Amino acid sequence: MGGVEWSVCADAAAVLDATADCVAVGVDIPIGLPSGVPRRVCDIETGARLGRARSSVFPAPPRPVLAAASFADACAVARELTGRAISLQTFNIGRKIREWDALDVLPDRVVEVHPELSLRTLAPEVEFAPKKTARGAGQRIAALARWVDPATALADLPAGARLDDVLDALAASWSAGRWARGCAEVIGDEIDERGRPMRVVL
């Protein structure tokens, strides 16, 4: 069983500072970004593996889309570059994508993860209910109990923490730990135009 400590970071740079001594860091945000029409292989394959839960995958947009000031403008840029608009959910996480993309240097210890796929890899026999339901939360806690003691992990959460976000963070840490141990599964093996990996680590 692993130990858990919680901290809240204001932005991507603060995450790097807080995890400077960590061997691996799992980030639930697209890192490498596509440049045009083709979607990232890791997004396509992650969605296929999630099946009915594929809606939790927000395909990474090309970089110029992230610069748009409004949802309408972002959709217009996306249509011009890829032939299709982006979802409102993708637009809403655009600020966080920009934070990570703006970093001059991205340490090798930082890897992109997808918590829902991590949980299904940790507990492949479970048919997970939506994560915001009581049943879904219980299933996720039970799955994570195979790796960490939930009574300890959830005992002293930061003020204002949402349970679904906390469980996602634990699932991300599970995948990061596998990466650190050299036993992670990697979905996708592409490099974007800035030289950053487009992959999801399980």
N, C-alpha and C. Protein backbone atom coordinates (compact mmCIF):
# COMPACT_ATOMS: atom_id res chain seq x y z
N MET A 1 0.84 -1.20 0.00
CA MET A 1 0.00 0.00 0.00
C MET A 1 0.88 1.25 0.00
N GLY A 2 0.48 2.26 -0.80
CA GLY A 2 1.25 3.49 -0.87
C GLY A 2 0.75 4.52 0.12
N GLY A 3 1.61 5.49 0.44
CA GLY A 3 1.22 6.60 1.29
C GLY A 3 0.75 7.76 0.43
N VAL A 4 -0.07 8.64 1.00
CA VAL A 4 -0.65 9.74 0.25
C VAL A 4 -0.50 11.04 1.03
N GLU A 5 -0.04 12.09 0.36
CA GLU A 5 -0.05 13.45 0.89
C GLU A 5 -0.70 14.35 -0.15
N TRP A 6 -1.49 15.32 0.32
CA TRP A 6 -2.23 16.18 -0.60
C TRP A 6 -1.70 17.60 -0.57
N SER A 7 -1.67 18.24 -1.73
CA SER A 7 -1.38 19.67 -1.81
C SER A 7 -2.13 20.22 -3.02
N VAL A 8 -2.46 21.49 -2.97
CA VAL A 8 -3.17 22.16 -4.06
C VAL A 8 -2.21 23.12 -4.74
N CYS A 9 -2.10 23.02 -6.06
CA CYS A 9 -1.17 23.85 -6.83
C CYS A 9 -1.95 24.78 -7.75
N ALA A 10 -1.47 26.01 -7.88
CA ALA A 10 -2.20 27.02 -8.65
C ALA A 10 -2.11 26.79 -10.14
N ASP A 11 -0.99 26.25 -10.62
CA ASP A 11 -0.82 26.09 -12.06
C ASP A 11 0.22 25.01 -12.35
N ALA A 12 0.50 24.81 -13.63
CA ALA A 12 1.42 23.74 -14.03
C ALA A 12 2.82 23.96 -13.47
N ALA A 13 3.29 25.20 -13.48
CA ALA A 13 4.62 25.48 -12.95
C ALA A 13 4.70 25.13 -11.47
N ALA A 14 3.63 25.41 -10.74
CA ALA A 14 3.60 25.09 -9.31
C ALA A 14 3.61 23.58 -9.10
N VAL A 15 2.96 22.84 -9.99
CA VAL A 15 2.99 21.37 -9.89
C VAL A 15 4.42 20.87 -10.04
N LEU A 16 5.14 21.41 -11.01
CA LEU A 16 6.53 20.98 -11.20
C LEU A 16 7.38 21.29 -9.98
N ASP A 17 7.16 22.46 -9.37
CA ASP A 17 7.90 22.81 -8.16
C ASP A 17 7.58 21.85 -7.02
N ALA A 18 6.29 21.56 -6.85
CA ALA A 18 5.87 20.71 -5.73
C ALA A 18 6.32 19.27 -5.90
N THR A 19 6.56 18.85 -7.14
CA THR A 19 6.91 17.45 -7.40
C THR A 19 8.36 17.30 -7.86
N ALA A 20 9.18 18.29 -7.54
CA ALA A 20 10.57 18.28 -8.01
C ALA A 20 11.33 17.03 -7.57
N ASP A 21 10.95 16.46 -6.42
CA ASP A 21 11.65 15.28 -5.91
C ASP A 21 10.96 13.98 -6.28
N CYS A 22 9.89 14.06 -7.08
CA CYS A 22 9.15 12.85 -7.45
C CYS A 22 9.79 12.18 -8.66
N VAL A 23 9.70 10.86 -8.68
CA VAL A 23 10.24 10.09 -9.80
C VAL A 23 9.32 10.17 -11.02
N ALA A 24 8.03 10.27 -10.78
CA ALA A 24 7.06 10.34 -11.87
C ALA A 24 5.86 11.17 -11.44
N VAL A 25 5.26 11.87 -12.40
CA VAL A 25 4.09 12.71 -12.15
C VAL A 25 3.06 12.41 -13.23
N GLY A 26 1.86 12.02 -12.83
CA GLY A 26 0.79 11.76 -13.78
C GLY A 26 -0.08 13.00 -13.96
N VAL A 27 -0.30 13.41 -15.20
CA VAL A 27 -1.06 14.61 -15.50
C VAL A 27 -2.26 14.25 -16.36
N ASP A 28 -3.45 14.59 -15.90
CA ASP A 28 -4.68 14.30 -16.64
C ASP A 28 -5.02 15.48 -17.56
N ILE A 29 -4.05 15.85 -18.39
CA ILE A 29 -4.19 16.95 -19.34
C ILE A 29 -3.40 16.56 -20.59
N PRO A 30 -3.92 16.82 -21.79
CA PRO A 30 -3.13 16.54 -22.99
C PRO A 30 -1.79 17.28 -22.95
N ILE A 31 -0.74 16.57 -23.30
CA ILE A 31 0.60 17.18 -23.32
C ILE A 31 1.02 17.44 -24.76
N GLY A 32 1.39 16.42 -25.50
CA GLY A 32 1.68 16.61 -26.91
C GLY A 32 0.40 16.93 -27.68
N LEU A 33 0.46 17.85 -28.63
CA LEU A 33 -0.74 18.30 -29.33
C LEU A 33 -0.63 18.07 -30.84
N PRO A 34 -1.76 17.75 -31.48
CA PRO A 34 -1.73 17.53 -32.93
C PRO A 34 -1.57 18.85 -33.67
N SER A 35 -1.24 18.76 -34.95
CA SER A 35 -1.01 19.98 -35.73
C SER A 35 -2.05 20.19 -36.82
N GLY A 36 -2.93 19.22 -37.04
CA GLY A 36 -3.89 19.38 -38.12
C GLY A 36 -5.04 18.41 -38.02
N VAL A 37 -5.43 17.84 -39.14
CA VAL A 37 -6.62 16.99 -39.21
C VAL A 37 -6.50 15.70 -38.40
N PRO A 38 -5.41 14.96 -38.49
CA PRO A 38 -5.37 13.67 -37.78
C PRO A 38 -5.45 13.85 -36.27
N ARG A 39 -6.30 13.06 -35.64
CA ARG A 39 -6.36 13.05 -34.18
C ARG A 39 -5.19 12.26 -33.62
N ARG A 40 -4.87 12.50 -32.37
CA ARG A 40 -3.81 11.74 -31.72
C ARG A 40 -4.22 10.27 -31.62
N VAL A 41 -3.31 9.39 -31.93
CA VAL A 41 -3.58 7.95 -31.83
C VAL A 41 -3.98 7.58 -30.40
N CYS A 42 -3.34 8.20 -29.41
CA CYS A 42 -3.64 7.85 -28.02
C CYS A 42 -5.08 8.22 -27.65
N ASP A 43 -5.62 9.31 -28.23
CA ASP A 43 -7.02 9.67 -27.97
C ASP A 43 -7.96 8.66 -28.59
N ILE A 44 -7.66 8.25 -29.81
CA ILE A 44 -8.51 7.29 -30.51
C ILE A 44 -8.53 5.95 -29.78
N GLU A 45 -7.34 5.47 -29.41
CA GLU A 45 -7.25 4.16 -28.77
C GLU A 45 -7.80 4.18 -27.35
N THR A 46 -7.59 5.28 -26.63
CA THR A 46 -8.16 5.39 -25.29
C THR A 46 -9.68 5.37 -25.35
N GLY A 47 -10.25 6.12 -26.28
CA GLY A 47 -11.70 6.11 -26.43
C GLY A 47 -12.23 4.74 -26.79
N ALA A 48 -11.53 4.02 -27.65
CA ALA A 48 -11.97 2.68 -28.05
C ALA A 48 -11.95 1.73 -26.86
N ARG A 49 -10.93 1.84 -26.02
CA ARG A 49 -10.83 0.95 -24.87
C ARG A 49 -11.85 1.28 -23.78
N LEU A 50 -12.26 2.54 -23.72
CA LEU A 50 -13.24 2.92 -22.70
C LEU A 50 -14.67 2.54 -23.11
N GLY A 51 -14.91 2.30 -24.37
CA GLY A 51 -16.24 1.87 -24.80
C GLY A 51 -17.30 2.91 -24.47
N ARG A 52 -18.27 2.51 -23.65
CA ARG A 52 -19.38 3.41 -23.33
C ARG A 52 -18.93 4.65 -22.57
N ALA A 53 -17.76 4.61 -21.98
CA ALA A 53 -17.23 5.76 -21.23
C ALA A 53 -16.32 6.62 -22.09
N ARG A 54 -16.36 6.45 -23.40
CA ARG A 54 -15.46 7.19 -24.29
C ARG A 54 -15.68 8.69 -24.24
N SER A 55 -16.85 9.13 -23.75
CA SER A 55 -17.11 10.57 -23.67
C SER A 55 -16.18 11.28 -22.69
N SER A 56 -15.48 10.51 -21.85
CA SER A 56 -14.53 11.13 -20.92
C SER A 56 -13.21 11.49 -21.59
N VAL A 57 -13.06 11.12 -22.86
CA VAL A 57 -11.86 11.47 -23.62
C VAL A 57 -12.15 12.74 -24.41
N PHE A 58 -11.41 13.81 -24.11
CA PHE A 58 -11.55 15.05 -24.87
C PHE A 58 -10.38 15.13 -25.85
N PRO A 59 -10.63 14.87 -27.15
CA PRO A 59 -9.53 14.88 -28.11
C PRO A 59 -8.73 16.17 -28.04
N ALA A 60 -7.42 16.04 -27.98
CA ALA A 60 -6.55 17.21 -27.87
C ALA A 60 -6.67 18.08 -29.12
N PRO A 61 -6.87 19.38 -28.96
CA PRO A 61 -6.99 20.28 -30.12
C PRO A 61 -5.62 20.74 -30.60
N PRO A 62 -5.51 21.16 -31.86
CA PRO A 62 -4.27 21.79 -32.33
C PRO A 62 -3.98 23.07 -31.53
N ARG A 63 -2.72 23.44 -31.44
CA ARG A 63 -2.32 24.60 -30.63
C ARG A 63 -3.05 25.89 -30.98
N PRO A 64 -3.24 26.23 -32.26
CA PRO A 64 -3.91 27.50 -32.56
C PRO A 64 -5.32 27.59 -31.96
N VAL A 65 -5.98 26.47 -31.75
CA VAL A 65 -7.32 26.48 -31.14
C VAL A 65 -7.25 27.02 -29.72
N LEU A 66 -6.17 26.72 -29.03
CA LEU A 66 -6.04 27.11 -27.63
C LEU A 66 -5.92 28.62 -27.47
N ALA A 67 -5.52 29.32 -28.52
CA ALA A 67 -5.34 30.77 -28.44
C ALA A 67 -6.66 31.52 -28.62
N ALA A 68 -7.72 30.84 -29.01
CA ALA A 68 -9.00 31.51 -29.25
C ALA A 68 -9.58 32.04 -27.94
N ALA A 69 -10.15 33.24 -27.99
CA ALA A 69 -10.66 33.88 -26.78
C ALA A 69 -12.05 33.43 -26.39
N SER A 70 -12.80 32.86 -27.33
CA SER A 70 -14.17 32.44 -27.04
C SER A 70 -14.40 31.04 -27.60
N PHE A 71 -15.46 30.40 -27.12
CA PHE A 71 -15.80 29.07 -27.61
C PHE A 71 -16.12 29.12 -29.10
N ALA A 72 -16.85 30.15 -29.52
CA ALA A 72 -17.20 30.26 -30.94
C ALA A 72 -15.95 30.41 -31.80
N ASP A 73 -15.01 31.23 -31.34
CA ASP A 73 -13.77 31.42 -32.10
C ASP A 73 -12.96 30.12 -32.13
N ALA A 74 -12.92 29.42 -31.00
CA ALA A 74 -12.17 28.16 -30.94
C ALA A 74 -12.76 27.14 -31.91
N CYS A 75 -14.08 27.09 -31.98
CA CYS A 75 -14.73 26.17 -32.92
C CYS A 75 -14.42 26.54 -34.36
N ALA A 76 -14.39 27.85 -34.65
CA ALA A 76 -14.10 28.31 -36.00
C ALA A 76 -12.67 27.93 -36.41
N VAL A 77 -11.71 28.11 -35.50
CA VAL A 77 -10.33 27.75 -35.79
C VAL A 77 -10.21 26.24 -35.96
N ALA A 78 -10.89 25.50 -35.09
CA ALA A 78 -10.83 24.04 -35.17
C ALA A 78 -11.41 23.54 -36.49
N ARG A 79 -12.51 24.13 -36.92
CA ARG A 79 -13.11 23.72 -38.20
C ARG A 79 -12.16 24.00 -39.36
N GLU A 80 -11.47 25.13 -39.29
CA GLU A 80 -10.54 25.49 -40.36
C GLU A 80 -9.37 24.51 -40.42
N LEU A 81 -8.89 24.07 -39.25
CA LEU A 81 -7.71 23.22 -39.20
C LEU A 81 -8.02 21.74 -39.33
N THR A 82 -9.18 21.32 -38.80
CA THR A 82 -9.47 19.88 -38.73
C THR A 82 -10.77 19.48 -39.41
N GLY A 83 -11.60 20.46 -39.75
CA GLY A 83 -12.88 20.14 -40.37
C GLY A 83 -13.99 19.89 -39.38
N ARG A 84 -13.70 20.04 -38.07
CA ARG A 84 -14.75 19.81 -37.06
C ARG A 84 -14.51 20.74 -35.88
N ALA A 85 -15.61 21.07 -35.20
CA ALA A 85 -15.53 21.93 -34.02
C ALA A 85 -15.03 21.13 -32.83
N ILE A 86 -14.72 21.85 -31.75
CA ILE A 86 -14.37 21.18 -30.50
C ILE A 86 -15.56 21.21 -29.57
N SER A 87 -15.54 20.38 -28.53
CA SER A 87 -16.61 20.37 -27.55
C SER A 87 -16.41 21.50 -26.55
N LEU A 88 -17.48 21.87 -25.86
CA LEU A 88 -17.38 22.89 -24.82
C LEU A 88 -16.46 22.41 -23.70
N GLN A 89 -16.50 21.11 -23.39
CA GLN A 89 -15.62 20.57 -22.35
C GLN A 89 -14.16 20.75 -22.72
N THR A 90 -13.84 20.51 -24.00
CA THR A 90 -12.46 20.70 -24.44
C THR A 90 -12.06 22.17 -24.32
N PHE A 91 -12.95 23.07 -24.71
CA PHE A 91 -12.65 24.49 -24.59
C PHE A 91 -12.42 24.87 -23.13
N ASN A 92 -13.22 24.31 -22.24
CA ASN A 92 -13.12 24.68 -20.83
C ASN A 92 -11.81 24.23 -20.18
N ILE A 93 -11.20 23.17 -20.70
CA ILE A 93 -9.91 22.76 -20.14
C ILE A 93 -8.74 23.37 -20.92
N GLY A 94 -9.08 24.23 -21.88
CA GLY A 94 -8.03 24.84 -22.71
C GLY A 94 -7.00 25.61 -21.91
N ARG A 95 -7.44 26.29 -20.84
CA ARG A 95 -6.50 27.07 -20.03
C ARG A 95 -5.45 26.17 -19.41
N LYS A 96 -5.87 25.01 -18.92
CA LYS A 96 -4.91 24.08 -18.31
C LYS A 96 -3.99 23.47 -19.37
N ILE A 97 -4.53 23.18 -20.54
CA ILE A 97 -3.66 22.67 -21.62
C ILE A 97 -2.60 23.71 -21.96
N ARG A 98 -3.01 24.98 -22.05
CA ARG A 98 -2.07 26.06 -22.37
C ARG A 98 -0.97 26.17 -21.31
N GLU A 99 -1.34 26.00 -20.04
CA GLU A 99 -0.35 26.08 -18.96
C GLU A 99 0.77 25.07 -19.17
N TRP A 100 0.39 23.83 -19.44
CA TRP A 100 1.40 22.79 -19.62
C TRP A 100 2.16 22.98 -20.92
N ASP A 101 1.47 23.43 -21.95
CA ASP A 101 2.13 23.61 -23.24
C ASP A 101 3.10 24.80 -23.21
N ALA A 102 2.83 25.76 -22.32
CA ALA A 102 3.67 26.96 -22.25
C ALA A 102 4.98 26.71 -21.52
N LEU A 103 5.13 25.60 -20.83
CA LEU A 103 6.37 25.32 -20.12
C LEU A 103 7.51 25.15 -21.12
N ASP A 104 8.60 25.84 -20.88
CA ASP A 104 9.75 25.76 -21.79
C ASP A 104 10.35 24.36 -21.80
N VAL A 105 10.37 23.75 -20.62
CA VAL A 105 10.94 22.41 -20.48
C VAL A 105 9.94 21.53 -19.75
N LEU A 106 9.67 20.37 -20.31
CA LEU A 106 8.79 19.41 -19.66
C LEU A 106 9.63 18.21 -19.24
N PRO A 107 9.84 18.03 -17.93
CA PRO A 107 10.69 16.93 -17.48
C PRO A 107 10.17 15.57 -17.92
N ASP A 108 11.08 14.64 -18.12
CA ASP A 108 10.69 13.29 -18.54
C ASP A 108 9.81 12.59 -17.51
N ARG A 109 9.87 13.04 -16.27
CA ARG A 109 9.09 12.40 -15.22
C ARG A 109 7.59 12.68 -15.35
N VAL A 110 7.23 13.70 -16.16
CA VAL A 110 5.83 14.07 -16.32
C VAL A 110 5.22 13.28 -17.47
N VAL A 111 4.15 12.54 -17.17
CA VAL A 111 3.50 11.72 -18.20
C VAL A 111 2.00 11.99 -18.21
N GLU A 112 1.42 11.92 -19.38
CA GLU A 112 -0.03 12.08 -19.52
C GLU A 112 -0.73 10.78 -19.15
N VAL A 113 -1.79 10.90 -18.36
CA VAL A 113 -2.55 9.73 -17.94
C VAL A 113 -4.04 9.98 -18.21
N HIS A 114 -4.84 8.93 -18.09
CA HIS A 114 -6.30 9.06 -18.19
C HIS A 114 -6.90 8.26 -17.04
N PRO A 115 -7.36 8.94 -15.98
CA PRO A 115 -7.81 8.23 -14.77
C PRO A 115 -8.87 7.16 -15.00
N GLU A 116 -9.82 7.42 -15.89
CA GLU A 116 -10.87 6.42 -16.11
C GLU A 116 -10.29 5.14 -16.70
N LEU A 117 -9.32 5.27 -17.60
CA LEU A 117 -8.70 4.08 -18.15
C LEU A 117 -7.77 3.43 -17.13
N SER A 118 -7.13 4.25 -16.29
CA SER A 118 -6.31 3.69 -15.21
C SER A 118 -7.15 2.81 -14.30
N LEU A 119 -8.31 3.30 -13.92
CA LEU A 119 -9.19 2.54 -13.02
C LEU A 119 -9.65 1.24 -13.66
N ARG A 120 -9.94 1.28 -14.95
CA ARG A 120 -10.39 0.07 -15.63
C ARG A 120 -9.24 -0.92 -15.83
N THR A 121 -8.04 -0.42 -15.84
CA THR A 121 -6.88 -1.31 -15.91
C THR A 121 -6.61 -1.91 -14.53
N LEU A 122 -6.81 -1.12 -13.50
CA LEU A 122 -6.63 -1.60 -12.13
C LEU A 122 -7.68 -2.62 -11.74
N ALA A 123 -8.92 -2.43 -12.23
CA ALA A 123 -10.02 -3.34 -11.89
C ALA A 123 -10.78 -3.68 -13.17
N PRO A 124 -10.20 -4.52 -14.02
CA PRO A 124 -10.78 -4.76 -15.34
C PRO A 124 -12.13 -5.47 -15.33
N GLU A 125 -12.47 -6.12 -14.24
CA GLU A 125 -13.74 -6.86 -14.18
C GLU A 125 -14.93 -5.99 -13.78
N VAL A 126 -14.69 -4.75 -13.40
CA VAL A 126 -15.74 -3.87 -12.88
C VAL A 126 -16.41 -3.11 -14.01
N GLU A 127 -17.73 -3.08 -14.00
CA GLU A 127 -18.51 -2.24 -14.91
C GLU A 127 -18.79 -0.93 -14.18
N PHE A 128 -17.96 0.05 -14.37
CA PHE A 128 -18.03 1.27 -13.58
C PHE A 128 -19.25 2.12 -13.94
N ALA A 129 -19.96 2.57 -12.91
CA ALA A 129 -21.02 3.55 -13.07
C ALA A 129 -20.38 4.94 -13.20
N PRO A 130 -21.14 5.94 -13.66
CA PRO A 130 -20.57 7.29 -13.77
C PRO A 130 -19.93 7.75 -12.46
N LYS A 131 -18.82 8.48 -12.57
CA LYS A 131 -18.03 8.78 -11.38
C LYS A 131 -18.69 9.74 -10.42
N LYS A 132 -19.68 10.50 -10.89
CA LYS A 132 -20.34 11.45 -9.99
C LYS A 132 -21.51 10.83 -9.23
N THR A 133 -21.80 9.55 -9.47
CA THR A 133 -22.84 8.86 -8.73
C THR A 133 -22.24 8.20 -7.49
N ALA A 134 -23.10 7.91 -6.51
CA ALA A 134 -22.63 7.25 -5.29
C ALA A 134 -22.07 5.87 -5.62
N ARG A 135 -22.76 5.13 -6.50
CA ARG A 135 -22.28 3.81 -6.88
C ARG A 135 -20.92 3.90 -7.57
N GLY A 136 -20.79 4.87 -8.47
CA GLY A 136 -19.53 5.04 -9.18
C GLY A 136 -18.40 5.39 -8.24
N ALA A 137 -18.66 6.27 -7.29
CA ALA A 137 -17.62 6.63 -6.32
C ALA A 137 -17.21 5.42 -5.49
N GLY A 138 -18.21 4.65 -5.06
CA GLY A 138 -17.90 3.45 -4.27
C GLY A 138 -17.07 2.45 -5.05
N GLN A 139 -17.42 2.25 -6.32
CA GLN A 139 -16.65 1.33 -7.16
C GLN A 139 -15.20 1.80 -7.32
N ARG A 140 -15.02 3.09 -7.49
CA ARG A 140 -13.67 3.61 -7.67
C ARG A 140 -12.84 3.51 -6.39
N ILE A 141 -13.47 3.76 -5.27
CA ILE A 141 -12.77 3.61 -3.99
C ILE A 141 -12.37 2.15 -3.79
N ALA A 142 -13.28 1.24 -4.10
CA ALA A 142 -12.97 -0.19 -3.95
C ALA A 142 -11.83 -0.60 -4.88
N ALA A 143 -11.83 -0.08 -6.11
CA ALA A 143 -10.75 -0.42 -7.05
C ALA A 143 -9.42 0.11 -6.55
N LEU A 144 -9.41 1.35 -6.09
CA LEU A 144 -8.17 1.96 -5.62
C LEU A 144 -7.66 1.30 -4.34
N ALA A 145 -8.55 0.66 -3.60
CA ALA A 145 -8.14 -0.04 -2.37
C ALA A 145 -7.21 -1.20 -2.66
N ARG A 146 -7.13 -1.62 -3.92
CA ARG A 146 -6.18 -2.67 -4.30
C ARG A 146 -4.74 -2.13 -4.29
N TRP A 147 -4.63 -0.80 -4.23
CA TRP A 147 -3.32 -0.16 -4.31
C TRP A 147 -3.01 0.71 -3.10
N VAL A 148 -4.02 1.40 -2.56
CA VAL A 148 -3.80 2.33 -1.46
C VAL A 148 -4.93 2.17 -0.44
N ASP A 149 -4.66 2.50 0.81
CA ASP A 149 -5.68 2.41 1.86
C ASP A 149 -6.60 3.63 1.78
N PRO A 150 -7.85 3.46 1.34
CA PRO A 150 -8.73 4.62 1.19
C PRO A 150 -8.98 5.36 2.49
N ALA A 151 -9.05 4.64 3.61
CA ALA A 151 -9.31 5.29 4.89
C ALA A 151 -8.22 6.30 5.22
N THR A 152 -6.99 5.98 4.85
CA THR A 152 -5.87 6.90 5.07
C THR A 152 -5.81 7.96 3.98
N ALA A 153 -5.99 7.55 2.73
CA ALA A 153 -5.85 8.47 1.59
C ALA A 153 -6.89 9.57 1.61
N LEU A 154 -8.10 9.27 2.09
CA LEU A 154 -9.20 10.23 2.03
C LEU A 154 -9.47 10.90 3.37
N ALA A 155 -8.60 10.68 4.35
CA ALA A 155 -8.87 11.15 5.70
C ALA A 155 -8.61 12.64 5.88
N ASP A 156 -7.71 13.22 5.12
CA ASP A 156 -7.31 14.61 5.35
C ASP A 156 -7.19 15.35 4.02
N LEU A 157 -8.32 15.54 3.36
CA LEU A 157 -8.33 16.15 2.04
C LEU A 157 -8.27 17.68 2.14
N PRO A 158 -7.73 18.32 1.10
CA PRO A 158 -7.72 19.79 1.09
C PRO A 158 -9.14 20.35 1.12
N ALA A 159 -9.29 21.55 1.69
CA ALA A 159 -10.60 22.19 1.75
C ALA A 159 -11.15 22.38 0.34
N GLY A 160 -12.43 22.05 0.17
CA GLY A 160 -13.07 22.24 -1.12
C GLY A 160 -12.84 21.15 -2.13
N ALA A 161 -12.09 20.11 -1.76
CA ALA A 161 -11.80 19.03 -2.71
C ALA A 161 -13.08 18.27 -3.04
N ARG A 162 -13.26 17.95 -4.33
CA ARG A 162 -14.39 17.14 -4.77
C ARG A 162 -13.95 15.69 -4.83
N LEU A 163 -14.84 14.80 -4.40
CA LEU A 163 -14.48 13.40 -4.32
C LEU A 163 -14.07 12.83 -5.68
N ASP A 164 -14.80 13.18 -6.75
CA ASP A 164 -14.45 12.61 -8.05
C ASP A 164 -13.06 13.07 -8.50
N ASP A 165 -12.71 14.32 -8.21
CA ASP A 165 -11.38 14.81 -8.57
C ASP A 165 -10.29 14.12 -7.75
N VAL A 166 -10.58 13.89 -6.48
CA VAL A 166 -9.61 13.21 -5.61
C VAL A 166 -9.35 11.79 -6.09
N LEU A 167 -10.41 11.09 -6.46
CA LEU A 167 -10.25 9.71 -6.94
C LEU A 167 -9.51 9.69 -8.27
N ASP A 168 -9.77 10.68 -9.13
CA ASP A 168 -9.00 10.80 -10.38
C ASP A 168 -7.51 10.99 -10.08
N ALA A 169 -7.21 11.82 -9.09
CA ALA A 169 -5.81 12.08 -8.74
C ALA A 169 -5.13 10.81 -8.24
N LEU A 170 -5.84 10.02 -7.47
CA LEU A 170 -5.26 8.76 -6.99
C LEU A 170 -5.02 7.80 -8.15
N ALA A 171 -5.97 7.74 -9.08
CA ALA A 171 -5.80 6.87 -10.25
C ALA A 171 -4.62 7.34 -11.09
N ALA A 172 -4.46 8.66 -11.23
CA ALA A 172 -3.33 9.20 -11.98
C ALA A 172 -2.02 8.82 -11.31
N SER A 173 -2.00 8.85 -9.98
CA SER A 173 -0.79 8.48 -9.24
C SER A 173 -0.45 7.01 -9.42
N TRP A 174 -1.49 6.18 -9.51
CA TRP A 174 -1.25 4.74 -9.73
C TRP A 174 -0.53 4.52 -11.06
N SER A 175 -1.00 5.20 -12.10
CA SER A 175 -0.35 5.06 -13.41
C SER A 175 1.07 5.63 -13.39
N ALA A 176 1.25 6.77 -12.71
CA ALA A 176 2.59 7.36 -12.62
C ALA A 176 3.55 6.41 -11.90
N GLY A 177 3.05 5.74 -10.87
CA GLY A 177 3.88 4.78 -10.16
C GLY A 177 4.31 3.63 -11.05
N ARG A 178 3.42 3.17 -11.91
CA ARG A 178 3.77 2.11 -12.84
C ARG A 178 4.84 2.58 -13.83
N TRP A 179 4.73 3.84 -14.26
CA TRP A 179 5.74 4.40 -15.15
C TRP A 179 7.10 4.43 -14.45
N ALA A 180 7.11 4.85 -13.19
CA ALA A 180 8.36 4.93 -12.44
C ALA A 180 9.01 3.56 -12.28
N ARG A 181 8.17 2.52 -12.15
CA ARG A 181 8.69 1.16 -11.95
C ARG A 181 9.03 0.47 -13.26
N GLY A 182 8.72 1.12 -14.40
CA GLY A 182 9.03 0.53 -15.69
C GLY A 182 8.07 -0.54 -16.13
N CYS A 183 6.86 -0.58 -15.54
CA CYS A 183 5.90 -1.62 -15.91
C CYS A 183 4.61 -1.04 -16.49
N ALA A 184 4.63 0.24 -16.86
CA ALA A 184 3.43 0.87 -17.40
C ALA A 184 3.16 0.43 -18.83
N GLU A 185 1.88 0.43 -19.19
CA GLU A 185 1.49 0.25 -20.58
C GLU A 185 1.40 1.64 -21.21
N VAL A 186 1.86 1.77 -22.43
CA VAL A 186 1.85 3.06 -23.11
C VAL A 186 0.97 2.98 -24.35
N ILE A 187 0.00 3.88 -24.44
CA ILE A 187 -0.89 3.95 -25.59
C ILE A 187 -0.48 5.13 -26.46
N GLY A 188 -0.14 4.84 -27.69
CA GLY A 188 0.31 5.88 -28.60
C GLY A 188 1.81 6.06 -28.52
N ASP A 189 2.42 6.37 -29.65
CA ASP A 189 3.88 6.53 -29.70
C ASP A 189 4.21 7.57 -30.76
N GLU A 190 3.65 8.78 -30.59
CA GLU A 190 3.86 9.85 -31.56
C GLU A 190 4.60 11.02 -30.88
N ILE A 191 5.19 11.86 -31.68
CA ILE A 191 5.85 13.06 -31.21
C ILE A 191 5.24 14.26 -31.93
N ASP A 192 4.91 15.31 -31.18
CA ASP A 192 4.30 16.47 -31.84
C ASP A 192 5.37 17.40 -32.41
N GLU A 193 4.94 18.50 -33.00
CA GLU A 193 5.88 19.38 -33.70
C GLU A 193 6.86 20.09 -32.77
N ARG A 194 6.58 20.09 -31.48
CA ARG A 194 7.51 20.65 -30.50
C ARG A 194 8.42 19.59 -29.89
N GLY A 195 8.24 18.34 -30.33
CA GLY A 195 9.05 17.27 -29.79
C GLY A 195 8.49 16.65 -28.52
N ARG A 196 7.23 16.93 -28.20
CA ARG A 196 6.63 16.38 -26.99
C ARG A 196 5.83 15.12 -27.32
N PRO A 197 5.86 14.15 -26.39
CA PRO A 197 5.19 12.88 -26.68
C PRO A 197 3.68 13.00 -26.67
N MET A 198 3.04 12.31 -27.61
CA MET A 198 1.59 12.18 -27.63
C MET A 198 1.28 10.73 -27.28
N ARG A 199 1.03 10.51 -25.99
CA ARG A 199 0.80 9.16 -25.49
C ARG A 199 0.03 9.23 -24.19
N VAL A 200 -0.57 8.11 -23.82
CA VAL A 200 -1.24 7.97 -22.52
C VAL A 200 -0.58 6.80 -21.80
N VAL A 201 -0.20 7.03 -20.57
CA VAL A 201 0.49 6.02 -19.76
C VAL A 201 -0.47 5.39 -18.77
N LEU A 202 -0.47 4.08 -18.71
CA LEU A 202 -1.33 3.35 -17.77
C LEU A 202 -0.47 2.64 -16.72
